[in-house]
PDB file of all heavy atoms in Angstrom:
ATOM      1  N   ILE A   1      53.355  10.473-225.379  1.00  0.00           N
ATOM      2  CA  ILE A   1      53.064   9.067-225.661  1.00  0.00           C
ATOM      3  C   ILE A   1      52.450   8.428-224.425  1.00  0.00           C
ATOM      4  O   ILE A   1      52.471   9.003-223.335  1.00  0.00           O
ATOM      5  CB  ILE A   1      54.329   8.261-226.043  1.00  0.00           C
ATOM      6  CG1 ILE A   1      55.325   8.228-224.870  1.00  0.00           C
ATOM      7  CG2 ILE A   1      54.986   8.811-227.308  1.00  0.00           C
ATOM      8  CD1 ILE A   1      56.484   7.275-225.054  1.00  0.00           C
ATOM      9  N   ASP A   2      51.920   7.233-224.581  1.00  0.00           N
ATOM     10  CA  ASP A   2      51.573   6.373-223.459  1.00  0.00           C
ATOM     11  C   ASP A   2      52.823   5.565-223.124  1.00  0.00           C
ATOM     12  O   ASP A   2      53.347   4.835-223.970  1.00  0.00           O
ATOM     13  CB  ASP A   2      50.416   5.432-223.841  1.00  0.00           C
ATOM     14  CG  ASP A   2      49.927   4.592-222.676  1.00  0.00           C
ATOM     15  OD1 ASP A   2      50.769   3.937-222.025  1.00  0.00           O
ATOM     16  OD2 ASP A   2      48.706   4.547-222.423  1.00  0.00           O
ATOM     17  N   ASN A   3      53.322   5.667-221.895  1.00  0.00           N
ATOM     18  CA  ASN A   3      54.588   5.022-221.540  1.00  0.00           C
ATOM     19  C   ASN A   3      54.525   3.496-221.617  1.00  0.00           C
ATOM     20  O   ASN A   3      55.539   2.836-221.885  1.00  0.00           O
ATOM     21  CB  ASN A   3      55.043   5.441-220.139  1.00  0.00           C
ATOM     22  CG  ASN A   3      54.034   5.079-219.055  1.00  0.00           C
ATOM     23  OD1 ASN A   3      52.954   5.681-218.999  1.00  0.00           O
ATOM     24  ND2 ASN A   3      54.367   4.131-218.212  1.00  0.00           N
ATOM     25  N   LEU A   4      53.344   2.897-221.425  1.00  0.00           N
ATOM     26  CA  LEU A   4      53.231   1.441-221.479  1.00  0.00           C
ATOM     27  C   LEU A   4      52.990   0.921-222.892  1.00  0.00           C
ATOM     28  O   LEU A   4      53.199  -0.269-223.156  1.00  0.00           O
ATOM     29  CB  LEU A   4      52.093   0.955-220.567  1.00  0.00           C
ATOM     30  CG  LEU A   4      52.350   1.027-219.067  1.00  0.00           C
ATOM     31  CD1 LEU A   4      51.104   0.590-218.294  1.00  0.00           C
ATOM     32  CD2 LEU A   4      53.551   0.184-218.655  1.00  0.00           C
ATOM     33  N   LEU A   5      52.575   1.790-223.806  1.00  0.00           N
ATOM     34  CA  LEU A   5      52.253   1.345-225.168  1.00  0.00           C
ATOM     35  C   LEU A   5      53.334   1.790-226.142  1.00  0.00           C
ATOM     36  O   LEU A   5      54.283   1.062-226.383  1.00  0.00           O
ATOM     37  CB  LEU A   5      50.854   1.806-225.546  1.00  0.00           C
ATOM     38  CG  LEU A   5      49.760   1.030-224.778  1.00  0.00           C
ATOM     39  CD1 LEU A   5      48.404   1.691-224.907  1.00  0.00           C
ATOM     40  CD2 LEU A   5      49.695  -0.416-225.251  1.00  0.00           C
ATOM     41  N   LYS A   6      53.253   2.978-226.717  1.00  0.00           N
ATOM     42  CA  LYS A   6      54.323   3.420-227.610  1.00  0.00           C
ATOM     43  C   LYS A   6      55.667   3.445-226.878  1.00  0.00           C
ATOM     44  O   LYS A   6      56.722   3.256-227.481  1.00  0.00           O
ATOM     45  CB  LYS A   6      53.997   4.791-228.191  1.00  0.00           C
ATOM     46  CG  LYS A   6      55.019   5.300-229.211  1.00  0.00           C
ATOM     47  CD  LYS A   6      55.191   4.354-230.407  1.00  0.00           C
ATOM     48  CE  LYS A   6      56.116   4.977-231.456  1.00  0.00           C
ATOM     49  NZ  LYS A   6      56.496   4.025-232.514  1.00  0.00           N
ATOM     50  N   GLY A   7      55.627   3.634-225.563  1.00  0.00           N
ATOM     51  CA  GLY A   7      56.857   3.642-224.779  1.00  0.00           C
ATOM     52  C   GLY A   7      57.313   2.277-224.320  1.00  0.00           C
ATOM     53  O   GLY A   7      58.365   2.162-223.679  1.00  0.00           O
ATOM     54  N   ALA A   8      56.565   1.218-224.643  1.00  0.00           N
ATOM     55  CA  ALA A   8      56.964  -0.126-224.195  1.00  0.00           C
ATOM     56  C   ALA A   8      56.333  -1.191-225.089  1.00  0.00           C
ATOM     57  O   ALA A   8      56.795  -1.429-226.197  1.00  0.00           O
ATOM     58  CB  ALA A   8      56.586  -0.329-222.721  1.00  0.00           C
ATOM     59  N   VAL A   9      55.226  -1.819-224.629  1.00  0.00           N
ATOM     60  CA  VAL A   9      54.760  -3.030-225.310  1.00  0.00           C
ATOM     61  C   VAL A   9      54.028  -2.757-226.619  1.00  0.00           C
ATOM     62  O   VAL A   9      54.015  -3.616-227.510  1.00  0.00           O
ATOM     63  CB  VAL A   9      53.887  -3.896-224.375  1.00  0.00           C
ATOM     64  CG1 VAL A   9      54.669  -4.315-223.157  1.00  0.00           C
ATOM     65  CG2 VAL A   9      52.626  -3.178-223.963  1.00  0.00           C
ATOM     66  N   GLY A  10      53.407  -1.587-226.770  1.00  0.00           N
ATOM     67  CA  GLY A  10      52.803  -1.272-228.063  1.00  0.00           C
ATOM     68  C   GLY A  10      53.870  -1.209-229.138  1.00  0.00           C
ATOM     69  O   GLY A  10      53.708  -1.765-230.231  1.00  0.00           O
ATOM     70  N   GLN A  11      54.964  -0.535-228.826  1.00  0.00           N
ATOM     71  CA  GLN A  11      56.076  -0.466-229.766  1.00  0.00           C
ATOM     72  C   GLN A  11      56.701  -1.850-229.975  1.00  0.00           C
ATOM     73  O   GLN A  11      57.142  -2.184-231.079  1.00  0.00           O
ATOM     74  CB  GLN A  11      57.126   0.527-229.270  1.00  0.00           C
ATOM     75  CG  GLN A  11      58.236   0.804-230.251  1.00  0.00           C
ATOM     76  CD  GLN A  11      58.852   2.167-230.043  1.00  0.00           C
ATOM     77  OE1 GLN A  11      58.880   2.978-230.959  1.00  0.00           O
ATOM     78  NE2 GLN A  11      59.354   2.452-228.846  1.00  0.00           N
ATOM     79  N   ALA A  12      56.731  -2.673-228.917  1.00  0.00           N
ATOM     80  CA  ALA A  12      57.268  -4.033-229.045  1.00  0.00           C
ATOM     81  C   ALA A  12      56.419  -4.866-230.002  1.00  0.00           C
ATOM     82  O   ALA A  12      56.950  -5.628-230.827  1.00  0.00           O
ATOM     83  CB  ALA A  12      57.338  -4.698-227.674  1.00  0.00           C
ATOM     84  N   VAL A  13      55.094  -4.731-229.920  1.00  0.00           N
ATOM     85  CA  VAL A  13      54.215  -5.447-230.850  1.00  0.00           C
ATOM     86  C   VAL A  13      54.372  -4.877-232.255  1.00  0.00           C
ATOM     87  O   VAL A  13      54.373  -5.622-233.249  1.00  0.00           O
ATOM     88  CB  VAL A  13      52.748  -5.373-230.373  1.00  0.00           C
ATOM     89  CG1 VAL A  13      51.792  -5.887-231.444  1.00  0.00           C
ATOM     90  CG2 VAL A  13      52.576  -6.175-229.084  1.00  0.00           C
ATOM     91  N   GLN A  14      54.502  -3.573-232.370  1.00  0.00           N
ATOM     92  CA  GLN A  14      54.787  -2.946-233.665  1.00  0.00           C
ATOM     93  C   GLN A  14      56.055  -3.550-234.270  1.00  0.00           C
ATOM     94  O   GLN A  14      56.105  -3.878-235.473  1.00  0.00           O
ATOM     95  CB  GLN A  14      54.940  -1.440-233.476  1.00  0.00           C
ATOM     96  CG  GLN A  14      55.140  -0.651-234.768  1.00  0.00           C
ATOM     97  CD  GLN A  14      55.287   0.856-234.501  1.00  0.00           C
ATOM     98  OE1 GLN A  14      55.154   1.329-233.368  1.00  0.00           O
ATOM     99  NE2 GLN A  14      55.585   1.597-235.538  1.00  0.00           N
ATOM    100  N   ASN A  15      57.088  -3.739-233.441  1.00  0.00           N
ATOM    101  CA  ASN A  15      58.329  -4.352-233.911  1.00  0.00           C
ATOM    102  C   ASN A  15      58.124  -5.811-234.303  1.00  0.00           C
ATOM    103  O   ASN A  15      58.663  -6.279-235.306  1.00  0.00           O
ATOM    104  CB  ASN A  15      59.406  -4.233-232.840  1.00  0.00           C
ATOM    105  CG  ASN A  15      59.969  -2.828-232.737  1.00  0.00           C
ATOM    106  OD1 ASN A  15      60.071  -2.119-233.735  1.00  0.00           O
ATOM    107  ND2 ASN A  15      60.322  -2.406-231.537  1.00  0.00           N
ATOM    108  N   MET A  16      57.331  -6.544-233.526  1.00  0.00           N
ATOM    109  CA  MET A  16      57.014  -7.930-233.881  1.00  0.00           C
ATOM    110  C   MET A  16      56.336  -7.988-235.246  1.00  0.00           C
ATOM    111  O   MET A  16      56.673  -8.848-236.082  1.00  0.00           O
ATOM    112  CB  MET A  16      56.101  -8.559-232.818  1.00  0.00           C
ATOM    113  CG  MET A  16      55.734 -10.011-233.104  1.00  0.00           C
ATOM    114  SD  MET A  16      54.349 -10.639-232.108  1.00  0.00           S
ATOM    115  CE  MET A  16      52.954  -9.899-232.983  1.00  0.00           C
ATOM    116  N   ASN A  17      55.393  -7.097-235.477  1.00  0.00           N
ATOM    117  CA  ASN A  17      54.706  -7.070-236.771  1.00  0.00           C
ATOM    118  C   ASN A  17      55.704  -6.887-237.912  1.00  0.00           C
ATOM    119  O   ASN A  17      55.617  -7.567-238.946  1.00  0.00           O
ATOM    120  CB  ASN A  17      53.666  -5.945-236.786  1.00  0.00           C
ATOM    121  CG  ASN A  17      52.490  -6.208-235.868  1.00  0.00           C
ATOM    122  OD1 ASN A  17      52.211  -7.343-235.497  1.00  0.00           O
ATOM    123  ND2 ASN A  17      51.782  -5.158-235.498  1.00  0.00           N
ATOM    124  N   LEU A  18      56.644  -5.976-237.738  1.00  0.00           N
ATOM    125  CA  LEU A  18      57.650  -5.741-238.776  1.00  0.00           C
ATOM    126  C   LEU A  18      58.543  -6.963-238.963  1.00  0.00           C
ATOM    127  O   LEU A  18      58.866  -7.342-240.092  1.00  0.00           O
ATOM    128  CB  LEU A  18      58.496  -4.522-238.411  1.00  0.00           C
ATOM    129  CG  LEU A  18      57.795  -3.162-238.478  1.00  0.00           C
ATOM    130  CD1 LEU A  18      58.655  -2.072-237.838  1.00  0.00           C
ATOM    131  CD2 LEU A  18      57.467  -2.798-239.924  1.00  0.00           C
ATOM    132  N   MET A  19      58.934  -7.591-237.866  1.00  0.00           N
ATOM    133  CA  MET A  19      59.848  -8.732-237.934  1.00  0.00           C
ATOM    134  C   MET A  19      59.227  -9.933-238.648  1.00  0.00           C
ATOM    135  O   MET A  19      59.938 -10.739-239.251  1.00  0.00           O
ATOM    136  CB  MET A  19      60.286  -9.130-236.526  1.00  0.00           C
ATOM    137  CG  MET A  19      61.133  -8.078-235.823  1.00  0.00           C
ATOM    138  SD  MET A  19      61.329  -8.406-234.059  1.00  0.00           S
ATOM    139  CE  MET A  19      62.634  -9.631-234.093  1.00  0.00           C
ATOM    140  N   PHE A  20      57.906 -10.047-238.595  1.00  0.00           N
ATOM    141  CA  PHE A  20      57.227 -11.186-239.205  1.00  0.00           C
ATOM    142  C   PHE A  20      56.464 -10.809-240.471  1.00  0.00           C
ATOM    143  O   PHE A  20      55.654 -11.601-240.964  1.00  0.00           O
ATOM    144  CB  PHE A  20      56.293 -11.848-238.185  1.00  0.00           C
ATOM    145  CG  PHE A  20      57.045 -12.623-237.125  1.00  0.00           C
ATOM    146  CD1 PHE A  20      57.410 -12.019-235.934  1.00  0.00           C
ATOM    147  CD2 PHE A  20      57.413 -13.944-237.341  1.00  0.00           C
ATOM    148  CE1 PHE A  20      58.113 -12.718-234.968  1.00  0.00           C
ATOM    149  CE2 PHE A  20      58.109 -14.652-236.379  1.00  0.00           C
ATOM    150  CZ  PHE A  20      58.477 -14.039-235.187  1.00  0.00           C
ATOM    151  N   GLY A  21      56.717  -9.625-241.001  1.00  0.00           N
ATOM    152  CA  GLY A  21      56.102  -9.229-242.253  1.00  0.00           C
ATOM    153  C   GLY A  21      54.610  -9.001-242.177  1.00  0.00           C
ATOM    154  O   GLY A  21      53.898  -9.114-243.182  1.00  0.00           O
ATOM    155  N   LEU A  22      54.103  -8.651-240.987  1.00  0.00           N
ATOM    156  CA  LEU A  22      52.672  -8.404-240.805  1.00  0.00           C
ATOM    157  C   LEU A  22      52.375  -6.920-241.024  1.00  0.00           C
ATOM    158  O   LEU A  22      53.279  -6.089-241.129  1.00  0.00           O
ATOM    159  CB  LEU A  22      52.254  -8.804-239.384  1.00  0.00           C
ATOM    160  CG  LEU A  22      52.595 -10.226-238.937  1.00  0.00           C
ATOM    161  CD1 LEU A  22      52.169 -10.434-237.487  1.00  0.00           C
ATOM    162  CD2 LEU A  22      51.952 -11.257-239.848  1.00  0.00           C
ATOM    163  N   ASP A  23      51.093  -6.605-241.093  1.00  0.00           N
ATOM    164  CA  ASP A  23      50.677  -5.204-241.117  1.00  0.00           C
ATOM    165  C   ASP A  23      51.235  -4.538-239.864  1.00  0.00           C
ATOM    166  O   ASP A  23      51.012  -5.008-238.739  1.00  0.00           O
ATOM    167  CB  ASP A  23      49.147  -5.133-241.135  1.00  0.00           C
ATOM    168  CG  ASP A  23      48.606  -3.706-241.133  1.00  0.00           C
ATOM    169  OD1 ASP A  23      49.381  -2.755-240.928  1.00  0.00           O
ATOM    170  OD2 ASP A  23      47.390  -3.554-241.323  1.00  0.00           O
ATOM    171  N   GLU A  24      51.960  -3.441-240.034  1.00  0.00           N
ATOM    172  CA  GLU A  24      52.612  -2.782-238.897  1.00  0.00           C
ATOM    173  C   GLU A  24      51.624  -2.385-237.804  1.00  0.00           C
ATOM    174  O   GLU A  24      51.970  -2.334-236.618  1.00  0.00           O
ATOM    175  CB  GLU A  24      53.364  -1.550-239.399  1.00  0.00           C
ATOM    176  CG  GLU A  24      54.277  -0.908-238.392  1.00  0.00           C
ATOM    177  CD  GLU A  24      55.118   0.205-238.983  1.00  0.00           C
ATOM    178  OE1 GLU A  24      55.137   0.341-240.240  1.00  0.00           O
ATOM    179  OE2 GLU A  24      55.751   0.944-238.212  1.00  0.00           O
ATOM    180  N   LYS A  25      50.378  -2.137-238.185  1.00  0.00           N
ATOM    181  CA  LYS A  25      49.381  -1.691-237.212  1.00  0.00           C
ATOM    182  C   LYS A  25      48.551  -2.826-236.610  1.00  0.00           C
ATOM    183  O   LYS A  25      47.664  -2.576-235.787  1.00  0.00           O
ATOM    184  CB  LYS A  25      48.433  -0.693-237.878  1.00  0.00           C
ATOM    185  CG  LYS A  25      49.105   0.606-238.311  1.00  0.00           C
ATOM    186  CD  LYS A  25      48.073   1.583-238.875  1.00  0.00           C
ATOM    187  CE  LYS A  25      48.703   2.913-239.237  1.00  0.00           C
ATOM    188  NZ  LYS A  25      47.698   3.881-239.739  1.00  0.00           N
ATOM    189  N   ALA A  26      48.846  -4.075-237.006  1.00  0.00           N
ATOM    190  CA  ALA A  26      48.035  -5.213-236.551  1.00  0.00           C
ATOM    191  C   ALA A  26      48.007  -5.286-235.023  1.00  0.00           C
ATOM    192  O   ALA A  26      49.039  -5.202-234.359  1.00  0.00           O
ATOM    193  CB  ALA A  26      48.588  -6.512-237.127  1.00  0.00           C
ATOM    194  N   GLY A  27      46.799  -5.413-234.471  1.00  0.00           N
ATOM    195  CA  GLY A  27      46.628  -5.541-233.034  1.00  0.00           C
ATOM    196  C   GLY A  27      46.788  -4.249-232.264  1.00  0.00           C
ATOM    197  O   GLY A  27      46.760  -4.253-231.033  1.00  0.00           O
ATOM    198  N   LEU A  28      46.941  -3.138-232.959  1.00  0.00           N
ATOM    199  CA  LEU A  28      47.238  -1.874-232.291  1.00  0.00           C
ATOM    200  C   LEU A  28      46.227  -0.779-232.604  1.00  0.00           C
ATOM    201  O   LEU A  28      46.497   0.408-232.409  1.00  0.00           O
ATOM    202  CB  LEU A  28      48.656  -1.405-232.683  1.00  0.00           C
ATOM    203  CG  LEU A  28      49.782  -2.314-232.177  1.00  0.00           C
ATOM    204  CD1 LEU A  28      51.109  -1.939-232.825  1.00  0.00           C
ATOM    205  CD2 LEU A  28      49.894  -2.265-230.661  1.00  0.00           C
ATOM    206  N   ALA A  29      45.037  -1.170-233.052  1.00  0.00           N
ATOM    207  CA  ALA A  29      43.966  -0.197-233.294  1.00  0.00           C
ATOM    208  C   ALA A  29      43.261   0.051-231.962  1.00  0.00           C
ATOM    209  O   ALA A  29      42.224  -0.531-231.652  1.00  0.00           O
ATOM    210  CB  ALA A  29      42.990  -0.738-234.338  1.00  0.00           C
ATOM    211  N   LEU A  30      43.849   0.923-231.144  1.00  0.00           N
ATOM    212  CA  LEU A  30      43.413   1.121-229.770  1.00  0.00           C
ATOM    213  C   LEU A  30      42.665   2.444-229.613  1.00  0.00           C
ATOM    214  O   LEU A  30      42.930   3.410-230.317  1.00  0.00           O
ATOM    215  CB  LEU A  30      44.640   1.106-228.848  1.00  0.00           C
ATOM    216  CG  LEU A  30      45.528  -0.123-228.992  1.00  0.00           C
ATOM    217  CD1 LEU A  30      46.802   0.039-228.148  1.00  0.00           C
ATOM    218  CD2 LEU A  30      44.788  -1.383-228.575  1.00  0.00           C
ATOM    219  N   LYS A  31      41.766   2.479-228.663  1.00  0.00           N
ATOM    220  CA  LYS A  31      40.921   3.656-228.438  1.00  0.00           C
ATOM    221  C   LYS A  31      41.514   4.565-227.368  1.00  0.00           C
ATOM    222  O   LYS A  31      41.785   4.117-226.261  1.00  0.00           O
ATOM    223  CB  LYS A  31      39.526   3.203-228.004  1.00  0.00           C
ATOM    224  CG  LYS A  31      38.581   4.344-227.651  1.00  0.00           C
ATOM    225  CD  LYS A  31      37.297   3.813-227.054  1.00  0.00           C
ATOM    226  CE  LYS A  31      36.395   4.956-226.575  1.00  0.00           C
ATOM    227  NZ  LYS A  31      37.022   5.783-225.525  1.00  0.00           N
ATOM    228  N   PRO A  32      41.743   5.844-227.680  1.00  0.00           N
ATOM    229  CA  PRO A  32      42.198   6.770-226.640  1.00  0.00           C
ATOM    230  C   PRO A  32      41.117   6.992-225.597  1.00  0.00           C
ATOM    231  O   PRO A  32      39.923   6.835-225.875  1.00  0.00           O
ATOM    232  CB  PRO A  32      42.485   8.060-227.423  1.00  0.00           C
ATOM    233  CG  PRO A  32      41.645   7.956-228.646  1.00  0.00           C
ATOM    234  CD  PRO A  32      41.575   6.493-228.990  1.00  0.00           C
ATOM    235  N   SER A  33      41.534   7.341-224.380  1.00  0.00           N
ATOM    236  CA  SER A  33      40.561   7.496-223.287  1.00  0.00           C
ATOM    237  C   SER A  33      39.640   8.691-223.521  1.00  0.00           C
ATOM    238  O   SER A  33      38.476   8.654-223.157  1.00  0.00           O
ATOM    239  CB  SER A  33      41.280   7.631-221.953  1.00  0.00           C
ATOM    240  OG  SER A  33      42.169   8.732-221.981  1.00  0.00           O
ATOM    241  N   ALA A  34      40.144   9.775-224.098  1.00  0.00           N
ATOM    242  CA  ALA A  34      39.364  10.962-224.505  1.00  0.00           C
ATOM    243  C   ALA A  34      38.785  11.729-223.305  1.00  0.00           C
ATOM    244  O   ALA A  34      38.904  12.935-223.219  1.00  0.00           O
ATOM    245  CB  ALA A  34      38.254  10.593-225.482  1.00  0.00           C
TER     246      ALA A  34
END
């Protein structure tokens, strides 16, 4: 995982989306560095 995203704030935003009935992926369509 990315420690700052799925390991921290990405997961926190994912949780916010769930708590407010939003699309779980809202704001999290991010591009990998590749």
